[in-house]
Every structure is written in C-alpha cells, then in structure tokens.
Amino acid sequence: MPKMKSNRGAAKRFRVTASGKIKRHSAYHSHILTKKSAKRKRNLRQESQVSAADAPKVRKMILK
C-alpha cells in the first residue's frame, strides 16, 4: 500500500511546536487594512494555537 500524503495546503499553514501543539497565523490580516487600527493589526501578527477541538483534524492533515 502506498504512503499517505500530507495535505500540502494545510502543511504550509500550520506548524507543530516542540511540545506537540499546533500553531497557526491569525486571519483578517491580508487586505482592507486601512480601516483596522494599528493595535488590531499588530495583534493580528501574532501566532496563536489551533483550538483543542480542531487540533486532531489538523494533525491528521499535516503529519504523514
């Protein structure tokens, strides 16, 4: 049986930390930035963790 392929789209969007948690980038930071405050845009630069409910699904997609 062939090897399972990872979902390449998901692999580019998520990273696994050393402790096994999954990091993601914040949404809403790609366009229409003029109406967003500097504070909001600054906070959108930060990475956050995938929720506990979604983590198993994301892990299955990104790990081969």
PDB file of N, CA and C in Angstrom:
ATOM      1  N   MET A   1       0.844  -1.182   0.000  1.00  0.00           N
ATOM      2  CA  MET A   1       0.000   0.000   0.000  1.00  0.00           C
ATOM      3  C   MET A   1       0.891   1.248   0.000  1.00  0.00           C
ATOM      4  N   PRO A   2       0.537   2.287  -0.766  1.00  0.00           N
ATOM      5  CA  PRO A   2       1.399   3.471  -0.824  1.00  0.00           C
ATOM      6  C   PRO A   2       1.346   4.284   0.457  1.00  0.00           C
ATOM      7  N   LYS A   3       2.331   5.150   0.581  1.00  0.00           N
ATOM      8  CA  LYS A   3       2.378   6.031   1.745  1.00  0.00           C
ATOM      9  C   LYS A   3       1.217   7.017   1.692  1.00  0.00           C
ATOM     10  N   MET A   4       0.778   7.464   2.859  1.00  0.00           N
ATOM     11  CA  MET A   4      -0.247   8.501   2.926  1.00  0.00           C
ATOM     12  C   MET A   4       0.415   9.842   2.623  1.00  0.00           C
ATOM     13  N   LYS A   5      -0.272  10.685   1.872  1.00  0.00           N
ATOM     14  CA  LYS A   5       0.262  12.014   1.580  1.00  0.00           C
ATOM     15  C   LYS A   5      -0.304  13.013   2.572  1.00  0.00           C
ATOM     16  N   SER A   6       0.531  13.974   2.950  1.00  0.00           N
ATOM     17  CA  SER A   6       0.036  15.048   3.812  1.00  0.00           C
ATOM     18  C   SER A   6      -0.714  16.052   2.941  1.00  0.00           C
ATOM     19  N   ASN A   7      -1.633  16.771   3.544  1.00  0.00           N
ATOM     20  CA  ASN A   7      -2.370  17.829   2.837  1.00  0.00           C
ATOM     21  C   ASN A   7      -1.424  19.020   2.706  1.00  0.00           C
ATOM     22  N   ARG A   8      -0.971  19.309   1.494  1.00  0.00           N
ATOM     23  CA  ARG A   8       0.063  20.320   1.302  1.00  0.00           C
ATOM     24  C   ARG A   8      -0.423  21.713   1.652  1.00  0.00           C
ATOM     25  N   GLY A   9      -1.689  21.995   1.419  1.00  0.00           N
ATOM     26  CA  GLY A   9      -2.229  23.298   1.787  1.00  0.00           C
ATOM     27  C   GLY A   9      -2.187  23.501   3.284  1.00  0.00           C
ATOM     28  N   ALA A  10      -2.546  22.462   4.035  1.00  0.00           N
ATOM     29  CA  ALA A  10      -2.520  22.543   5.490  1.00  0.00           C
ATOM     30  C   ALA A  10      -1.085  22.579   6.007  1.00  0.00           C
ATOM     31  N   ALA A  11      -0.199  21.833   5.366  1.00  0.00           N
ATOM     32  CA  ALA A  11       1.195  21.785   5.815  1.00  0.00           C
ATOM     33  C   ALA A  11       1.864  23.151   5.732  1.00  0.00           C
ATOM     34  N   LYS A  12       1.421  23.983   4.769  1.00  0.00           N
ATOM     35  CA  LYS A  12       2.002  25.316   4.634  1.00  0.00           C
ATOM     36  C   LYS A  12       1.422  26.303   5.644  1.00  0.00           C
ATOM     37  N   ARG A  13       0.269  25.987   6.224  1.00  0.00           N
ATOM     38  CA  ARG A  13      -0.416  26.928   7.108  1.00  0.00           C
ATOM     39  C   ARG A  13      -0.219  26.659   8.592  1.00  0.00           C
ATOM     40  N   PHE A  14       0.172  25.456   8.952  1.00  0.00           N
ATOM     41  CA  PHE A  14       0.293  25.080  10.360  1.00  0.00           C
ATOM     42  C   PHE A  14       1.687  24.557  10.652  1.00  0.00           C
ATOM     43  N   ARG A  15       2.132  24.770  11.908  1.00  0.00           N
ATOM     44  CA  ARG A  15       3.417  24.235  12.344  1.00  0.00           C
ATOM     45  C   ARG A  15       3.234  23.570  13.692  1.00  0.00           C
ATOM     46  N   VAL A  16       3.951  22.488  13.921  1.00  0.00           N
ATOM     47  CA  VAL A  16       3.884  21.784  15.198  1.00  0.00           C
ATOM     48  C   VAL A  16       5.025  22.275  16.078  1.00  0.00           C
ATOM     49  N   THR A  17       4.702  22.637  17.323  1.00  0.00           N
ATOM     50  CA  THR A  17       5.718  23.106  18.258  1.00  0.00           C
ATOM     51  C   THR A  17       6.447  21.911  18.868  1.00  0.00           C
ATOM     52  N   ALA A  18       7.493  22.181  19.627  1.00  0.00           N
ATOM     53  CA  ALA A  18       8.273  21.112  20.251  1.00  0.00           C
ATOM     54  C   ALA A  18       7.432  20.320  21.246  1.00  0.00           C
ATOM     55  N   SER A  19       6.457  20.993  21.867  1.00  0.00           N
ATOM     56  CA  SER A  19       5.610  20.301  22.846  1.00  0.00           C
ATOM     57  C   SER A  19       4.434  19.589  22.188  1.00  0.00           C
ATOM     58  N   GLY A  20       4.317  19.704  20.855  1.00  0.00           N
ATOM     59  CA  GLY A  20       3.269  18.987  20.145  1.00  0.00           C
ATOM     60  C   GLY A  20       2.020  19.790  19.848  1.00  0.00           C
ATOM     61  N   LYS A  21       1.999  21.056  20.274  1.00  0.00           N
ATOM     62  CA  LYS A  21       0.842  21.896  19.962  1.00  0.00           C
ATOM     63  C   LYS A  21       0.968  22.402  18.531  1.00  0.00           C
ATOM     64  N   ILE A  22      -0.147  22.856  17.965  1.00  0.00           N
ATOM     65  CA  ILE A  22      -0.149  23.306  16.577  1.00  0.00           C
ATOM     66  C   ILE A  22      -0.373  24.810  16.535  1.00  0.00           C
ATOM     67  N   LYS A  23       0.553  25.517  15.852  1.00  0.00           N
ATOM     68  CA  LYS A  23       0.462  26.969  15.737  1.00  0.00           C
ATOM     69  C   LYS A  23      -0.168  27.335  14.409  1.00  0.00           C
ATOM     70  N   ARG A  24      -0.867  28.486  14.401  1.00  0.00           N
ATOM     71  CA  ARG A  24      -1.487  28.997  13.186  1.00  0.00           C
ATOM     72  C   ARG A  24      -1.347  30.506  13.169  1.00  0.00           C
ATOM     73  N   HIS A  25      -1.479  31.091  11.995  1.00  0.00           N
ATOM     74  CA  HIS A  25      -1.473  32.546  11.853  1.00  0.00           C
ATOM     75  C   HIS A  25      -2.895  33.071  11.996  1.00  0.00           C
ATOM     76  N   SER A  26      -3.013  34.316  12.395  1.00  0.00           N
ATOM     77  CA  SER A  26      -4.322  34.944  12.535  1.00  0.00           C
ATOM     78  C   SER A  26      -4.879  35.317  11.169  1.00  0.00           C
ATOM     79  N   ALA A  27      -6.202  35.264  11.052  1.00  0.00           N
ATOM     80  CA  ALA A  27      -6.879  35.675   9.829  1.00  0.00           C
ATOM     81  C   ALA A  27      -7.086  37.195   9.857  1.00  0.00           C
ATOM     82  N   TYR A  28      -7.662  37.726   8.782  1.00  0.00           N
ATOM     83  CA  TYR A  28      -8.024  39.149   8.662  1.00  0.00           C
ATOM     84  C   TYR A  28      -6.814  40.084   8.621  1.00  0.00           C
ATOM     85  N   HIS A  29      -5.689  39.616   8.139  1.00  0.00           N
ATOM     86  CA  HIS A  29      -4.518  40.493   8.091  1.00  0.00           C
ATOM     87  C   HIS A  29      -3.938  40.578   6.680  1.00  0.00           C
ATOM     88  N   SER A  30      -4.751  40.286   5.662  1.00  0.00           N
ATOM     89  CA  SER A  30      -4.201  40.283   4.311  1.00  0.00           C
ATOM     90  C   SER A  30      -4.623  41.485   3.478  1.00  0.00           C
ATOM     91  N   HIS A  31      -5.816  42.015   3.680  1.00  0.00           N
ATOM     92  CA  HIS A  31      -6.256  43.166   2.894  1.00  0.00           C
ATOM     93  C   HIS A  31      -7.300  43.952   3.683  1.00  0.00           C
ATOM     94  N   ILE A  32      -7.705  45.099   3.131  1.00  0.00           N
ATOM     95  CA  ILE A  32      -8.595  46.064   3.800  1.00  0.00           C
ATOM     96  C   ILE A  32      -8.014  46.424   5.170  1.00  0.00           C
ATOM     97  N   LEU A  33      -6.761  46.854   5.155  1.00  0.00           N
ATOM     98  CA  LEU A  33      -6.073  47.152   6.406  1.00  0.00           C
ATOM     99  C   LEU A  33      -6.238  48.615   6.832  1.00  0.00           C
ATOM    100  N   THR A  34      -6.757  49.457   5.943  1.00  0.00           N
ATOM    101  CA  THR A  34      -6.824  50.886   6.270  1.00  0.00           C
ATOM    102  C   THR A  34      -7.811  51.179   7.383  1.00  0.00           C
ATOM    103  N   LYS A  35      -8.893  50.419   7.450  1.00  0.00           N
ATOM    104  CA  LYS A  35      -9.902  50.691   8.477  1.00  0.00           C
ATOM    105  C   LYS A  35      -9.591  49.992   9.805  1.00  0.00           C
ATOM    106  N   LYS A  36      -8.560  49.170   9.846  1.00  0.00           N
ATOM    107  CA  LYS A  36      -8.193  48.481  11.079  1.00  0.00           C
ATOM    108  C   LYS A  36      -7.171  49.323  11.836  1.00  0.00           C
ATOM    109  N   SER A  37      -7.316  49.354  13.141  1.00  0.00           N
ATOM    110  CA  SER A  37      -6.414  50.162  13.958  1.00  0.00           C
ATOM    111  C   SER A  37      -5.026  49.522  14.006  1.00  0.00           C
ATOM    112  N   ALA A  38      -4.031  50.331  14.341  1.00  0.00           N
ATOM    113  CA  ALA A  38      -2.659  49.833  14.426  1.00  0.00           C
ATOM    114  C   ALA A  38      -2.552  48.749  15.491  1.00  0.00           C
ATOM    115  N   LYS A  39      -3.273  48.915  16.579  1.00  0.00           N
ATOM    116  CA  LYS A  39      -3.245  47.920  17.649  1.00  0.00           C
ATOM    117  C   LYS A  39      -3.799  46.583  17.169  1.00  0.00           C
ATOM    118  N   ARG A  40      -4.899  46.660  16.433  1.00  0.00           N
ATOM    119  CA  ARG A  40      -5.524  45.431  15.927  1.00  0.00           C
ATOM    120  C   ARG A  40      -4.600  44.721  14.938  1.00  0.00           C
ATOM    121  N   LYS A  41      -3.986  45.493  14.037  1.00  0.00           N
ATOM    122  CA  LYS A  41      -3.074  44.905  13.052  1.00  0.00           C
ATOM    123  C   LYS A  41      -1.842  44.306  13.723  1.00  0.00           C
ATOM    124  N   ARG A  42      -1.353  44.981  14.755  1.00  0.00           N
ATOM    125  CA  ARG A  42      -0.199  44.476  15.492  1.00  0.00           C
ATOM    126  C   ARG A  42      -0.533  43.146  16.161  1.00  0.00           C
ATOM    127  N   ASN A  43      -1.721  43.057  16.742  1.00  0.00           N
ATOM    128  CA  ASN A  43      -2.129  41.815  17.402  1.00  0.00           C
ATOM    129  C   ASN A  43      -2.384  40.692  16.404  1.00  0.00           C
ATOM    130  N   LEU A  44      -2.776  41.039  15.188  1.00  0.00           N
ATOM    131  CA  LEU A  44      -3.018  40.016  14.167  1.00  0.00           C
ATOM    132  C   LEU A  44      -1.713  39.395  13.662  1.00  0.00           C
ATOM    133  N   ARG A  45      -0.581  40.054  13.914  1.00  0.00           N
ATOM    134  CA  ARG A  45       0.707  39.480  13.518  1.00  0.00           C
ATOM    135  C   ARG A  45       1.085  38.276  14.366  1.00  0.00           C
ATOM    136  N   GLN A  46       0.545  38.210  15.564  1.00  0.00           N
ATOM    137  CA  GLN A  46       0.925  37.146  16.493  1.00  0.00           C
ATOM    138  C   GLN A  46       0.365  35.802  16.034  1.00  0.00           C
ATOM    139  N   GLU A  47       1.117  34.750  16.280  1.00  0.00           N
ATOM    140  CA  GLU A  47       0.611  33.411  16.026  1.00  0.00           C
ATOM    141  C   GLU A  47      -0.188  32.955  17.228  1.00  0.00           C
ATOM    142  N   SER A  48      -1.159  32.083  16.985  1.00  0.00           N
ATOM    143  CA  SER A  48      -1.935  31.530  18.085  1.00  0.00           C
ATOM    144  C   SER A  48      -2.028  30.031  17.886  1.00  0.00           C
ATOM    145  N   GLN A  49      -2.649  29.355  18.834  1.00  0.00           N
ATOM    146  CA  GLN A  49      -2.751  27.904  18.771  1.00  0.00           C
ATOM    147  C   GLN A  49      -4.078  27.482  18.171  1.00  0.00           C
ATOM    148  N   VAL A  50      -4.065  26.348  17.516  1.00  0.00           N
ATOM    149  CA  VAL A  50      -5.296  25.753  16.999  1.00  0.00           C
ATOM    150  C   VAL A  50      -6.103  25.265  18.196  1.00  0.00           C
ATOM    151  N   SER A  51      -7.412  25.418  18.131  1.00  0.00           N
ATOM    152  CA  SER A  51      -8.264  25.013  19.252  1.00  0.00           C
ATOM    153  C   SER A  51      -8.153  23.507  19.483  1.00  0.00           C
ATOM    154  N   ALA A  52      -8.452  23.087  20.693  1.00  0.00           N
ATOM    155  CA  ALA A  52      -8.350  21.675  21.066  1.00  0.00           C
ATOM    156  C   ALA A  52      -9.286  20.810  20.236  1.00  0.00           C
ATOM    157  N   ALA A  53     -10.432  21.375  19.839  1.00  0.00           N
ATOM    158  CA  ALA A  53     -11.392  20.613  19.042  1.00  0.00           C
ATOM    159  C   ALA A  53     -10.877  20.359  17.630  1.00  0.00           C
ATOM    160  N   ASP A  54     -10.143  21.326  17.071  1.00  0.00           N
ATOM    161  CA  ASP A  54      -9.667  21.193  15.690  1.00  0.00           C
ATOM    162  C   ASP A  54      -8.291  20.539  15.583  1.00  0.00           C
ATOM    163  N   ALA A  55      -7.550  20.489  16.667  1.00  0.00           N
ATOM    164  CA  ALA A  55      -6.170  20.009  16.625  1.00  0.00           C
ATOM    165  C   ALA A  55      -6.033  18.590  16.063  1.00  0.00           C
ATOM    166  N   PRO A  56      -6.860  17.621  16.466  1.00  0.00           N
ATOM    167  CA  PRO A  56      -6.693  16.272  15.900  1.00  0.00           C
ATOM    168  C   PRO A  56      -6.889  16.233  14.385  1.00  0.00           C
ATOM    169  N   LYS A  57      -7.842  17.016  13.877  1.00  0.00           N
ATOM    170  CA  LYS A  57      -8.094  17.031  12.428  1.00  0.00           C
ATOM    171  C   LYS A  57      -6.919  17.646  11.684  1.00  0.00           C
ATOM    172  N   VAL A  58      -6.382  18.746  12.239  1.00  0.00           N
ATOM    173  CA  VAL A  58      -5.244  19.412  11.592  1.00  0.00           C
ATOM    174  C   VAL A  58      -4.012  18.511  11.647  1.00  0.00           C
ATOM    175  N   ARG A  59      -3.798  17.873  12.775  1.00  0.00           N
ATOM    176  CA  ARG A  59      -2.646  16.973  12.942  1.00  0.00           C
ATOM    177  C   ARG A  59      -2.695  15.843  11.909  1.00  0.00           C
ATOM    178  N   LYS A  60      -3.876  15.310  11.670  1.00  0.00           N
ATOM    179  CA  LYS A  60      -4.034  14.220  10.697  1.00  0.00           C
ATOM    180  C   LYS A  60      -3.703  14.702   9.288  1.00  0.00           C
ATOM    181  N   MET A  61      -4.043  15.975   9.001  1.00  0.00           N
ATOM    182  CA  MET A  61      -3.775  16.511   7.667  1.00  0.00           C
ATOM    183  C   MET A  61      -2.297  16.783   7.436  1.00  0.00           C
ATOM    184  N   ILE A  62      -1.593  17.271   8.476  1.00  0.00           N
ATOM    185  CA  ILE A  62      -0.213  17.722   8.230  1.00  0.00           C
ATOM    186  C   ILE A  62       0.839  16.663   8.482  1.00  0.00           C
ATOM    187  N   LEU A  63       0.538  15.663   9.280  1.00  0.00           N
ATOM    188  CA  LEU A  63       1.529  14.620   9.541  1.00  0.00           C
ATOM    189  C   LEU A  63       1.327  13.460   8.586  1.00  0.00           C
ATOM    190  N   LYS A  64       2.409  12.987   8.038  1.00  0.00           N
ATOM    191  CA  LYS A  64       2.327  11.917   7.058  1.00  0.00           C
ATOM    192  C   LYS A  64       2.071  10.574   7.709  1.00  0.00           C
TER     193      LYS A  64
END
